[in-house]
Structure formats: C-alpha cells, structure tokens
Amino acid sequence: MTRRRNKAGFTLVELLVALLMTVLLVGSATAMLRSVARAREVIGTRVHGEQEAMVALKTITNALRNAYRPVTDDDVLLEGVLERSEPFPVSRVRFRAVERRIIRAGQPESDVHEIEFFIRDDGEHRALMRRTDPTRNPPPDGGGVVEPLALDVVGLDVEYLDGQKWVDRWPETQKRWPLAINVSLIYRADSASERLVSVSRLVNFPCWSGGGGQ
C-alpha cells in the first residue's frame, strides 16, 4: 500500500517569486511617496513665494496711498530710479509717508517717515528691502532701519504716469507726484525651475499732482 505525501509550505521558487513581488511593490510605493513629497514641496515653495510677493506688494502700495502731502511744493519728496533693466527691471523708489509703525523703540520719532524700497543683490541672492527713517534729518542723512520684505523677489518695476505717458524714472527735482504709479514685483515661483512670475498693482493720485495740501 502506497501512502501519498502531503506537500507542506512553499518551494524555493515560490519563495523567490513572492520575495521579488514584495520588493517590486515596496519599490513602487517608495517611488510614489517620493514623487508626492517632491510635488508637495514644489507646490509649497510656489505658494510661499506668491504669498511673500503679494504681502510685499501690498506693503508698497499701502505706503504709497499714505504718502505725505506737504503744505508747500518745496517739501514734496518722490524719487524713482531705474538701476537696471536687464534681465528684469530693478528700480528704487523713495518718498515720505504717514506711518504709525514704531521703528526705533524708546527713541523720538516723527509720524512722517522717509521710506525707500529697493532690491539688494549680493551676487548670489536678491531680496526686496525697505528702508525706513522715522526722523526728518536733512540730506545727506539717508539713515534709518533697513529690513527685508521678501527674499524670493528678484525684480522691482515702478512706472509713473506723468499725465501723457508712462515713464520708468521720476526725478526728485520735479517736486510733484504723478497721476498714478504702477508697481510690479518679479519673483521666483519655485527654486527648482527658476520660473519667474510677475504681480502688479496700480495706485492712483488723480487729485494730487503736487504739494499745496491738495
């Protein structure tokens, strides 16, 4: 009488196949997780860059809307300089604005601040900066506190409507304000692709072309 032997467990071939399938599944899952993480990082960087640029743009335009309106034309301050136009515009704008923000705690300050926005370039990194001087010191003082507004902003483009055309410079000697100022910021959407995006906002001064408290 012959007894049949029951085959228990797996053969070596079956174990190898199962092991190979497990490795493939784990590898695919790991690659998918890495792709999701990279995509999330890129999206997060883009959102951060856009938010930073929008906050900086709002800061500049709010300061322009609060521009100081002196009694006499001799006290009008607005200077716009185009420092570079390639590969993207780099402007510098300086004016006085009414501001309640404390710049130097514990020291006497005026509520009329001299404010300047510009791009700082150290050769490797660019950033949008703001200089605020809370005192009315005569030239060539040019002091104050300098602070970064946005680290991802690489370009600042400021244009002025003189009543007939848009210009990219506004000499301080004009002693008057334009009818409108358009501010554009160029920022990096993400560090991976170095893609540049621009956002802009217009500030109108229809009833104020100079001093005289208009």
Protein backbone atom coordinates (compact mmCIF):
# COMPACT_ATOMS: atom_id res chain seq x y z
CA MET A 1 0.00 0.00 0.00
CA THR A 2 1.44 3.34 -1.12
CA ARG A 3 0.96 6.46 1.01
CA ARG A 4 0.73 9.89 -0.60
CA ARG A 5 3.00 12.52 0.92
CA ASN A 6 1.29 15.87 1.70
CA LYS A 7 3.27 18.79 0.39
CA ALA A 8 3.53 21.40 3.18
CA GLY A 9 4.91 25.01 2.82
CA PHE A 10 6.36 26.66 -0.28
CA THR A 11 9.00 25.66 -2.70
CA LEU A 12 12.16 27.71 -3.15
CA VAL A 13 10.91 29.04 -6.49
CA GLU A 14 7.64 30.21 -4.93
CA LEU A 15 9.53 31.97 -2.13
CA LEU A 16 11.76 33.75 -4.64
CA VAL A 17 8.77 34.88 -6.69
CA ALA A 18 6.99 36.15 -3.59
CA LEU A 19 10.12 37.97 -2.46
CA LEU A 20 10.56 39.58 -5.88
CA MET A 21 6.96 40.76 -5.95
CA THR A 22 7.34 42.23 -2.45
CA VAL A 23 10.48 44.10 -3.48
CA LEU A 24 8.74 45.47 -6.58
CA LEU A 25 5.71 46.58 -4.57
CA VAL A 26 7.86 48.27 -1.91
CA GLY A 27 9.99 49.97 -4.58
CA SER A 28 6.92 51.27 -6.43
CA ALA A 29 5.37 52.56 -3.21
CA THR A 30 8.63 54.28 -2.22
CA ALA A 31 8.98 55.94 -5.64
CA MET A 32 5.36 57.11 -5.49
CA LEU A 33 5.84 58.57 -2.00
CA ARG A 34 8.98 60.40 -3.14
CA SER A 35 7.13 61.85 -6.14
CA VAL A 36 4.28 63.03 -3.91
CA ALA A 37 6.76 64.58 -1.47
CA ARG A 38 8.62 66.40 -4.27
CA ALA A 39 5.35 67.67 -5.75
CA ARG A 40 4.18 68.85 -2.34
CA GLU A 41 7.50 70.62 -1.78
CA VAL A 42 7.30 72.39 -5.15
CA ILE A 43 3.71 73.47 -4.55
CA GLY A 44 4.60 74.67 -1.06
CA THR A 45 7.51 76.72 -2.42
CA ARG A 46 5.31 78.27 -5.11
CA VAL A 47 2.60 79.19 -2.61
CA HIS A 48 5.15 80.66 -0.23
CA GLY A 49 6.78 82.72 -2.99
CA GLU A 50 3.43 84.03 -4.19
CA GLN A 51 2.25 84.90 -0.69
CA GLU A 52 5.51 86.65 0.09
CA ALA A 53 5.32 88.69 -3.12
CA MET A 54 1.68 89.66 -2.55
CA VAL A 55 2.36 90.78 1.02
CA ALA A 56 5.34 92.84 -0.17
CA LEU A 57 3.28 94.38 -2.99
CA LYS A 58 0.53 95.32 -0.54
CA THR A 59 3.12 96.88 1.78
CA ILE A 60 4.49 99.09 -1.00
CA THR A 61 1.11 100.19 -2.35
CA ASN A 62 -0.25 100.91 1.15
CA ALA A 63 2.76 103.10 1.85
CA LEU A 64 2.16 104.97 -1.43
CA ARG A 65 -1.50 105.51 -0.53
CA ASN A 66 -0.35 107.02 2.78
CA ALA A 67 2.11 109.35 1.05
CA TYR A 68 2.80 112.56 2.95
CA ARG A 69 1.11 115.60 1.44
CA PRO A 70 3.09 118.68 2.45
CA VAL A 71 1.80 122.24 2.54
CA THR A 72 4.36 123.54 0.06
CA ASP A 73 5.77 122.08 -3.13
CA ASP A 74 9.31 122.53 -1.83
CA ASP A 75 8.72 119.75 0.70
CA VAL A 76 7.46 117.18 -1.81
CA LEU A 77 9.62 114.07 -1.92
CA LEU A 78 9.32 111.42 -4.59
CA GLU A 79 12.30 109.91 -6.35
CA GLY A 80 12.16 106.96 -8.72
CA VAL A 81 15.34 105.49 -10.18
CA LEU A 82 15.77 102.63 -12.66
CA GLU A 83 19.03 100.99 -11.67
CA ARG A 84 18.94 98.13 -14.18
CA SER A 85 16.57 96.93 -16.89
CA GLU A 86 18.09 93.54 -17.83
CA PRO A 87 17.37 90.68 -17.37
CA PHE A 88 14.46 92.23 -15.47
CA PRO A 89 13.78 95.74 -14.13
CA VAL A 90 15.36 96.78 -10.85
CA SER A 91 14.00 100.10 -9.60
CA ARG A 92 14.38 102.13 -6.45
CA VAL A 93 11.65 104.41 -5.12
CA ARG A 94 11.92 106.87 -2.22
CA PHE A 95 9.20 109.06 -0.69
CA ARG A 96 7.67 110.22 2.58
CA ALA A 97 4.60 108.59 4.09
CA VAL A 98 2.50 108.95 7.20
CA GLU A 99 3.12 105.86 9.31
CA ARG A 100 2.42 104.92 12.92
CA ARG A 101 4.78 101.96 12.97
CA ILE A 102 7.49 102.18 15.63
CA ILE A 103 10.93 101.90 14.06
CA ARG A 104 13.27 102.57 16.98
CA ALA A 105 11.63 101.73 20.26
CA GLY A 106 12.27 104.22 23.03
CA GLN A 107 13.56 106.96 20.71
CA PRO A 108 11.81 110.11 19.47
CA GLU A 109 10.13 109.53 16.11
CA SER A 110 8.03 111.53 13.70
CA ASP A 111 4.83 110.15 12.23
CA VAL A 112 6.18 111.12 8.80
CA HIS A 113 8.72 108.53 7.69
CA GLU A 114 11.06 108.57 4.74
CA ILE A 115 10.59 105.20 3.05
CA GLU A 116 12.65 103.56 0.33
CA PHE A 117 12.06 100.28 -1.48
CA PHE A 118 14.85 98.61 -3.44
CA ILE A 119 16.40 95.30 -4.46
CA ARG A 120 19.54 94.21 -2.65
CA ASP A 121 21.85 92.00 -4.70
CA ASP A 122 24.88 90.44 -3.00
CA GLY A 123 25.91 88.48 -6.09
CA GLU A 124 24.28 85.22 -5.03
CA HIS A 125 20.93 86.25 -3.58
CA ARG A 126 18.41 89.01 -4.27
CA ALA A 127 15.81 90.35 -1.88
CA LEU A 128 13.31 93.18 -1.74
CA MET A 129 14.28 95.60 1.01
CA ARG A 130 12.64 98.51 2.81
CA ARG A 131 14.50 101.39 4.44
CA THR A 132 12.54 103.47 6.94
CA ASP A 133 13.84 106.68 8.51
CA PRO A 134 11.50 107.96 11.25
CA THR A 135 13.30 111.31 11.60
CA ARG A 136 13.30 114.40 9.42
CA ASN A 137 17.03 114.84 9.19
CA PRO A 138 18.30 116.99 6.30
CA PRO A 139 20.38 115.40 3.49
CA PRO A 140 22.71 113.65 3.22
CA ASP A 141 21.40 111.75 6.25
CA GLY A 142 19.87 108.78 4.42
CA GLY A 143 19.79 106.77 7.62
CA GLY A 144 17.10 104.64 9.11
CA VAL A 145 16.42 100.96 9.54
CA VAL A 146 16.80 98.55 6.61
CA GLU A 147 14.81 95.32 6.69
CA PRO A 148 13.98 92.56 4.18
CA LEU A 149 10.43 92.42 2.79
CA ALA A 150 10.62 89.40 0.50
CA LEU A 151 13.51 87.03 -0.13
CA ASP A 152 12.04 85.48 -3.28
CA VAL A 153 11.51 88.81 -5.08
CA VAL A 154 14.24 89.43 -7.67
CA GLY A 155 12.85 92.42 -9.58
CA LEU A 156 11.07 95.68 -8.79
CA ASP A 157 9.50 97.63 -11.67
CA VAL A 158 7.98 101.03 -10.84
CA GLU A 159 6.36 103.18 -13.55
CA TYR A 160 4.94 106.68 -13.25
CA LEU A 161 2.11 108.30 -15.23
CA ASP A 162 3.06 111.92 -15.86
CA GLY A 163 -0.29 112.78 -17.45
CA GLN A 164 0.62 111.80 -21.02
CA LYS A 165 2.78 108.68 -20.85
CA TRP A 166 4.30 106.13 -18.52
CA VAL A 167 7.93 106.69 -17.56
CA ASP A 168 10.34 104.48 -15.60
CA ARG A 169 12.10 107.34 -13.76
CA TRP A 170 10.86 110.19 -11.60
CA PRO A 171 13.49 112.83 -10.68
CA GLU A 172 13.28 114.29 -7.22
CA THR A 173 13.65 117.75 -8.76
CA GLN A 174 10.14 117.55 -10.21
CA LYS A 175 8.71 118.27 -6.75
CA ARG A 176 5.35 116.79 -7.67
CA TRP A 177 3.59 113.46 -7.79
CA PRO A 178 2.41 111.63 -10.94
CA LEU A 179 -1.22 110.85 -11.66
CA ALA A 180 -0.60 107.18 -10.96
CA ILE A 181 2.15 104.74 -10.01
CA ASN A 182 2.26 101.11 -11.15
CA VAL A 183 4.31 98.72 -9.03
CA SER A 184 5.32 95.28 -10.33
CA LEU A 185 7.28 92.62 -8.48
CA ILE A 186 9.08 89.77 -10.20
CA TYR A 187 9.57 86.72 -8.00
CA ARG A 188 10.72 83.11 -8.33
CA ALA A 189 7.79 80.73 -8.45
CA ASP A 190 9.99 77.84 -7.31
CA SER A 191 13.66 77.16 -6.83
CA ALA A 192 13.62 74.00 -8.94
CA SER A 193 12.66 75.53 -12.30
CA GLU A 194 13.76 79.12 -11.58
CA ARG A 195 10.47 80.19 -13.20
CA LEU A 196 9.76 83.91 -12.78
CA VAL A 197 6.28 85.34 -12.21
CA SER A 198 5.16 88.98 -12.07
CA VAL A 199 2.42 90.59 -9.96
CA SER A 200 1.45 94.26 -10.14
CA ARG A 201 -0.85 96.83 -8.62
CA LEU A 202 -1.82 100.38 -9.59
CA VAL A 203 -2.06 103.34 -7.19
CA ASN A 204 -3.87 106.45 -8.42
CA PHE A 205 -3.23 110.06 -7.40
CA PRO A 206 -5.88 111.81 -9.56
CA CYS A 207 -6.36 114.86 -7.33
CA TRP A 208 -2.80 115.34 -6.23
CA SER A 209 -0.13 116.35 -8.71
CA GLY A 210 1.98 118.26 -6.25
CA GLY A 211 2.05 119.88 -2.83
CA GLY A 212 -0.26 122.56 -1.54
CA GLY A 213 -2.20 120.10 0.60
CA GLN A 214 -4.46 119.05 -2.26
